[in-house]
PDB file of N, CA and C in Angstrom:
ATOM      1  N   MET A   1       9.785  -6.947  -8.482  1.00  0.00           N
ATOM      2  CA  MET A   1       8.968  -5.785  -8.326  1.00  0.00           C
ATOM      3  C   MET A   1       8.914  -5.012  -9.664  1.00  0.00           C
ATOM      4  N   PHE A   2      10.040  -4.843 -10.339  1.00  0.00           N
ATOM      5  CA  PHE A   2      10.059  -4.132 -11.606  1.00  0.00           C
ATOM      6  C   PHE A   2       9.317  -4.927 -12.687  1.00  0.00           C
ATOM      7  N   ILE A   3       9.338  -6.241 -12.567  1.00  0.00           N
ATOM      8  CA  ILE A   3       8.683  -7.082 -13.568  1.00  0.00           C
ATOM      9  C   ILE A   3       7.185  -6.849 -13.496  1.00  0.00           C
ATOM     10  N   PHE A   4       6.618  -6.901 -12.311  1.00  0.00           N
ATOM     11  CA  PHE A   4       5.197  -6.698 -12.149  1.00  0.00           C
ATOM     12  C   PHE A   4       4.782  -5.294 -12.541  1.00  0.00           C
ATOM     13  N   ALA A   5       5.562  -4.308 -12.132  1.00  0.00           N
ATOM     14  CA  ALA A   5       5.268  -2.905 -12.494  1.00  0.00           C
ATOM     15  C   ALA A   5       5.348  -2.714 -13.994  1.00  0.00           C
ATOM     16  N   GLY A   6       6.314  -3.347 -14.626  1.00  0.00           N
ATOM     17  CA  GLY A   6       6.426  -3.248 -16.084  1.00  0.00           C
ATOM     18  C   GLY A   6       5.236  -3.857 -16.788  1.00  0.00           C
ATOM     19  N   PHE A   7       4.713  -4.936 -16.254  1.00  0.00           N
ATOM     20  CA  PHE A   7       3.522  -5.546 -16.843  1.00  0.00           C
ATOM     21  C   PHE A   7       2.318  -4.619 -16.718  1.00  0.00           C
ATOM     22  N   LEU A   8       2.127  -4.082 -15.521  1.00  0.00           N
ATOM     23  CA  LEU A   8       0.967  -3.220 -15.292  1.00  0.00           C
ATOM     24  C   LEU A   8       1.042  -1.945 -16.141  1.00  0.00           C
ATOM     25  N   ILE A   9       2.202  -1.300 -16.164  1.00  0.00           N
ATOM     26  CA  ILE A   9       2.339  -0.079 -16.948  1.00  0.00           C
ATOM     27  C   ILE A   9       2.154  -0.400 -18.434  1.00  0.00           C
ATOM     28  N   GLY A  10       2.738  -1.449 -18.904  1.00  0.00           N
ATOM     29  CA  GLY A  10       2.592  -1.829 -20.310  1.00  0.00           C
ATOM     30  C   GLY A  10       1.172  -2.157 -20.664  1.00  0.00           C
ATOM     31  N   ALA A  11       0.466  -2.910 -19.810  1.00  0.00           N
ATOM     32  CA  ALA A  11      -0.911  -3.246 -20.109  1.00  0.00           C
ATOM     33  C   ALA A  11      -1.826  -2.039 -20.148  1.00  0.00           C
ATOM     34  N   VAL A  12      -1.632  -1.140 -19.195  1.00  0.00           N
ATOM     35  CA  VAL A  12      -2.449   0.070 -19.198  1.00  0.00           C
ATOM     36  C   VAL A  12      -2.140   0.922 -20.427  1.00  0.00           C
ATOM     37  N   TRP A  13      -0.857   1.053 -20.749  1.00  0.00           N
ATOM     38  CA  TRP A  13      -0.450   1.833 -21.932  1.00  0.00           C
ATOM     39  C   TRP A  13      -1.049   1.230 -23.202  1.00  0.00           C
ATOM     40  N   GLY A  14      -0.971  -0.088 -23.306  1.00  0.00           N
ATOM     41  CA  GLY A  14      -1.524  -0.738 -24.509  1.00  0.00           C
ATOM     42  C   GLY A  14      -3.042  -0.592 -24.624  1.00  0.00           C
ATOM     43  N   GLY A  15      -3.729  -0.682 -23.511  1.00  0.00           N
ATOM     44  CA  GLY A  15      -5.190  -0.474 -23.511  1.00  0.00           C
ATOM     45  C   GLY A  15      -5.551   0.908 -23.911  1.00  0.00           C
ATOM     46  N   ILE A  16      -4.855   1.905 -23.399  1.00  0.00           N
ATOM     47  CA  ILE A  16      -5.133   3.291 -23.787  1.00  0.00           C
ATOM     48  C   ILE A  16      -4.846   3.523 -25.246  1.00  0.00           C
ATOM     49  N   PHE A  17      -3.736   2.979 -25.725  1.00  0.00           N
ATOM     50  CA  PHE A  17      -3.317   3.140 -27.090  1.00  0.00           C
ATOM     51  C   PHE A  17      -4.391   2.549 -28.043  1.00  0.00           C
ATOM     52  N   ALA A  18      -4.863   1.334 -27.718  1.00  0.00           N
ATOM     53  CA  ALA A  18      -5.858   0.681 -28.555  1.00  0.00           C
ATOM     54  C   ALA A  18      -7.175   1.428 -28.521  1.00  0.00           C
ATOM     55  N   ARG A  19      -7.553   1.937 -27.380  1.00  0.00           N
ATOM     56  CA  ARG A  19      -8.821   2.695 -27.293  1.00  0.00           C
ATOM     57  C   ARG A  19      -8.753   3.978 -28.102  1.00  0.00           C
ATOM     58  N   ARG A  20      -7.615   4.645 -28.082  1.00  0.00           N
ATOM     59  CA  ARG A  20      -7.440   5.882 -28.847  1.00  0.00           C
ATOM     60  C   ARG A  20      -7.535   5.619 -30.363  1.00  0.00           C
ATOM     61  N   LYS A  21      -7.073   4.428 -30.769  1.00  0.00           N
ATOM     62  CA  LYS A  21      -7.119   4.087 -32.187  1.00  0.00           C
ATOM     63  C   LYS A  21      -8.492   3.594 -32.599  1.00  0.00           C
ATOM     64  N   GLY A  22      -9.427   3.534 -31.651  1.00  0.00           N
ATOM     65  CA  GLY A  22     -10.803   3.130 -31.967  1.00  0.00           C
ATOM     66  C   GLY A  22     -11.009   1.637 -32.015  1.00  0.00           C
ATOM     67  N   GLY A  23     -10.211   0.885 -31.265  1.00  0.00           N
ATOM     68  CA  GLY A  23     -10.330  -0.567 -31.275  1.00  0.00           C
ATOM     69  C   GLY A  23     -11.549  -1.040 -30.487  1.00  0.00           C
ATOM     70  N   GLU A  24     -11.990  -2.231 -30.872  1.00  0.00           N
ATOM     71  CA  GLU A  24     -13.095  -2.864 -30.120  1.00  0.00           C
ATOM     72  C   GLU A  24     -12.506  -3.569 -28.897  1.00  0.00           C
ATOM     73  N   ARG A  25     -13.370  -4.227 -28.125  1.00  0.00           N
ATOM     74  CA  ARG A  25     -12.960  -4.796 -26.834  1.00  0.00           C
ATOM     75  C   ARG A  25     -11.818  -5.794 -27.008  1.00  0.00           C
ATOM     76  N   LEU A  26     -11.934  -6.685 -27.960  1.00  0.00           N
ATOM     77  CA  LEU A  26     -10.864  -7.689 -28.114  1.00  0.00           C
ATOM     78  C   LEU A  26      -9.558  -7.076 -28.618  1.00  0.00           C
ATOM     79  N   ASP A  27      -9.670  -6.004 -29.403  1.00  0.00           N
ATOM     80  CA  ASP A  27      -8.455  -5.308 -29.825  1.00  0.00           C
ATOM     81  C   ASP A  27      -7.744  -4.698 -28.638  1.00  0.00           C
ATOM     82  N   ILE A  28      -8.521  -4.089 -27.758  1.00  0.00           N
ATOM     83  CA  ILE A  28      -7.956  -3.472 -26.539  1.00  0.00           C
ATOM     84  C   ILE A  28      -7.292  -4.531 -25.656  1.00  0.00           C
ATOM     85  N   VAL A  29      -7.924  -5.665 -25.535  1.00  0.00           N
ATOM     86  CA  VAL A  29      -7.367  -6.752 -24.722  1.00  0.00           C
ATOM     87  C   VAL A  29      -6.055  -7.271 -25.320  1.00  0.00           C
ATOM     88  N   GLN A  30      -6.047  -7.398 -26.658  1.00  0.00           N
ATOM     89  CA  GLN A  30      -4.843  -7.896 -27.318  1.00  0.00           C
ATOM     90  C   GLN A  30      -3.675  -6.888 -27.177  1.00  0.00           C
ATOM     91  N   TYR A  31      -3.967  -5.635 -27.408  1.00  0.00           N
ATOM     92  CA  TYR A  31      -2.911  -4.603 -27.233  1.00  0.00           C
ATOM     93  C   TYR A  31      -2.406  -4.587 -25.807  1.00  0.00           C
ATOM     94  N   ALA A  32      -3.309  -4.688 -24.832  1.00  0.00           N
ATOM     95  CA  ALA A  32      -2.918  -4.667 -23.416  1.00  0.00           C
ATOM     96  C   ALA A  32      -2.022  -5.881 -23.112  1.00  0.00           C
ATOM     97  N   ALA A  33      -2.373  -7.037 -23.674  1.00  0.00           N
ATOM     98  CA  ALA A  33      -1.578  -8.237 -23.398  1.00  0.00           C
ATOM     99  C   ALA A  33      -0.190  -8.143 -24.004  1.00  0.00           C
ATOM    100  N   VAL A  34      -0.130  -7.679 -25.236  1.00  0.00           N
ATOM    101  CA  VAL A  34       1.185  -7.567 -25.908  1.00  0.00           C
ATOM    102  C   VAL A  34       2.054  -6.540 -25.250  1.00  0.00           C
ATOM    103  N   TRP A  35       1.502  -5.361 -24.989  1.00  0.00           N
ATOM    104  CA  TRP A  35       2.286  -4.330 -24.312  1.00  0.00           C
ATOM    105  C   TRP A  35       2.652  -4.728 -22.896  1.00  0.00           C
ATOM    106  N   GLY A  36       1.776  -5.522 -22.235  1.00  0.00           N
ATOM    107  CA  GLY A  36       2.111  -6.045 -20.922  1.00  0.00           C
ATOM    108  C   GLY A  36       3.315  -6.983 -20.983  1.00  0.00           C
ATOM    109  N   LEU A  37       3.372  -7.785 -22.016  1.00  0.00           N
ATOM    110  CA  LEU A  37       4.528  -8.686 -22.159  1.00  0.00           C
ATOM    111  C   LEU A  37       5.794  -7.880 -22.469  1.00  0.00           C
ATOM    112  N   ILE A  38       5.684  -6.870 -23.295  1.00  0.00           N
ATOM    113  CA  ILE A  38       6.825  -6.014 -23.556  1.00  0.00           C
ATOM    114  C   ILE A  38       7.321  -5.354 -22.274  1.00  0.00           C
ATOM    115  N   GLY A  39       6.399  -4.862 -21.476  1.00  0.00           N
ATOM    116  CA  GLY A  39       6.754  -4.274 -20.166  1.00  0.00           C
ATOM    117  C   GLY A  39       7.411  -5.284 -19.274  1.00  0.00           C
ATOM    118  N   THR A  40       6.922  -6.514 -19.315  1.00  0.00           N
ATOM    119  CA  THR A  40       7.514  -7.578 -18.475  1.00  0.00           C
ATOM    120  C   THR A  40       8.960  -7.833 -18.900  1.00  0.00           C
ATOM    121  N   ILE A  41       9.202  -7.900 -20.194  1.00  0.00           N
ATOM    122  CA  ILE A  41      10.555  -8.135 -20.680  1.00  0.00           C
ATOM    123  C   ILE A  41      11.471  -6.994 -20.258  1.00  0.00           C
ATOM    124  N   LEU A  42      11.005  -5.738 -20.429  1.00  0.00           N
ATOM    125  CA  LEU A  42      11.806  -4.610 -20.017  1.00  0.00           C
ATOM    126  C   LEU A  42      12.062  -4.596 -18.510  1.00  0.00           C
ATOM    127  N   GLY A  43      11.068  -4.994 -17.716  1.00  0.00           N
ATOM    128  CA  GLY A  43      11.225  -5.071 -16.285  1.00  0.00           C
ATOM    129  C   GLY A  43      12.223  -6.140 -15.887  1.00  0.00           C
ATOM    130  N   THR A  44      12.226  -7.254 -16.609  1.00  0.00           N
ATOM    131  CA  THR A  44      13.180  -8.300 -16.342  1.00  0.00           C
ATOM    132  C   THR A  44      14.609  -7.838 -16.658  1.00  0.00           C
ATOM    133  N   VAL A  45      14.779  -7.167 -17.771  1.00  0.00           N
ATOM    134  CA  VAL A  45      16.109  -6.650 -18.153  1.00  0.00           C
ATOM    135  C   VAL A  45      16.563  -5.650 -17.083  1.00  0.00           C
ATOM    136  N   LEU A  46      15.693  -4.760 -16.681  1.00  0.00           N
ATOM    137  CA  LEU A  46      16.037  -3.787 -15.677  1.00  0.00           C
ATOM    138  C   LEU A  46      16.453  -4.463 -14.352  1.00  0.00           C
ATOM    139  N   THR A  47      15.734  -5.494 -13.964  1.00  0.00           N
ATOM    140  CA  THR A  47      16.050  -6.221 -12.730  1.00  0.00           C
ATOM    141  C   THR A  47      17.451  -6.859 -12.855  1.00  0.00           C
ATOM    142  N   VAL A  48      17.723  -7.485 -13.979  1.00  0.00           N
ATOM    143  CA  VAL A  48      19.032  -8.151 -14.160  1.00  0.00           C
ATOM    144  C   VAL A  48      20.148  -7.100 -14.142  1.00  0.00           C
ATOM    145  N   VAL A  49      19.932  -5.974 -14.799  1.00  0.00           N
ATOM    146  CA  VAL A  49      20.964  -4.920 -14.808  1.00  0.00           C
ATOM    147  C   VAL A  49      21.204  -4.421 -13.396  1.00  0.00           C
ATOM    148  N   ILE A  50      20.183  -4.206 -12.631  1.00  0.00           N
ATOM    149  CA  ILE A  50      20.360  -3.706 -11.258  1.00  0.00           C
ATOM    150  C   ILE A  50      21.063  -4.758 -10.398  1.00  0.00           C
ATOM    151  N   GLN A  51      20.711  -6.020 -10.559  1.00  0.00           N
ATOM    152  CA  GLN A  51      21.346  -7.078  -9.779  1.00  0.00           C
ATOM    153  C   GLN A  51      22.810  -7.255 -10.158  1.00  0.00           C
ATOM    154  N   ARG A  52      23.162  -7.088 -11.394  1.00  0.00           N
ATOM    155  CA  ARG A  52      24.544  -7.201 -11.829  1.00  0.00           C
ATOM    156  C   ARG A  52      25.382  -6.027 -11.321  1.00  0.00           C
ATOM    157  N   ALA A  53      24.750  -4.868 -11.216  1.00  0.00           N
ATOM    158  CA  ALA A  53      25.481  -3.677 -10.793  1.00  0.00           C
ATOM    159  C   ALA A  53      25.827  -3.709  -9.297  1.00  0.00           C
ATOM    160  N   MET A  54      25.101  -4.523  -8.550  1.00  0.00           N
ATOM    161  CA  MET A  54      25.358  -4.582  -7.086  1.00  0.00           C
ATOM    162  C   MET A  54      26.387  -5.624  -6.754  1.00  0.00           C
TER     163      MET A  54
END
């Protein structure tokens, strides 16, 4: 659940960030993809930490 949420939050954040910087459509897509992957990694780490704590 955290993994999917991390991807969505990261992708939205990356798209907004690229749009604010004046990027074109492909720039926005690239930023959204990269930030989505970063969010996925953070969500995975969070999931592992929570599972280890239990």
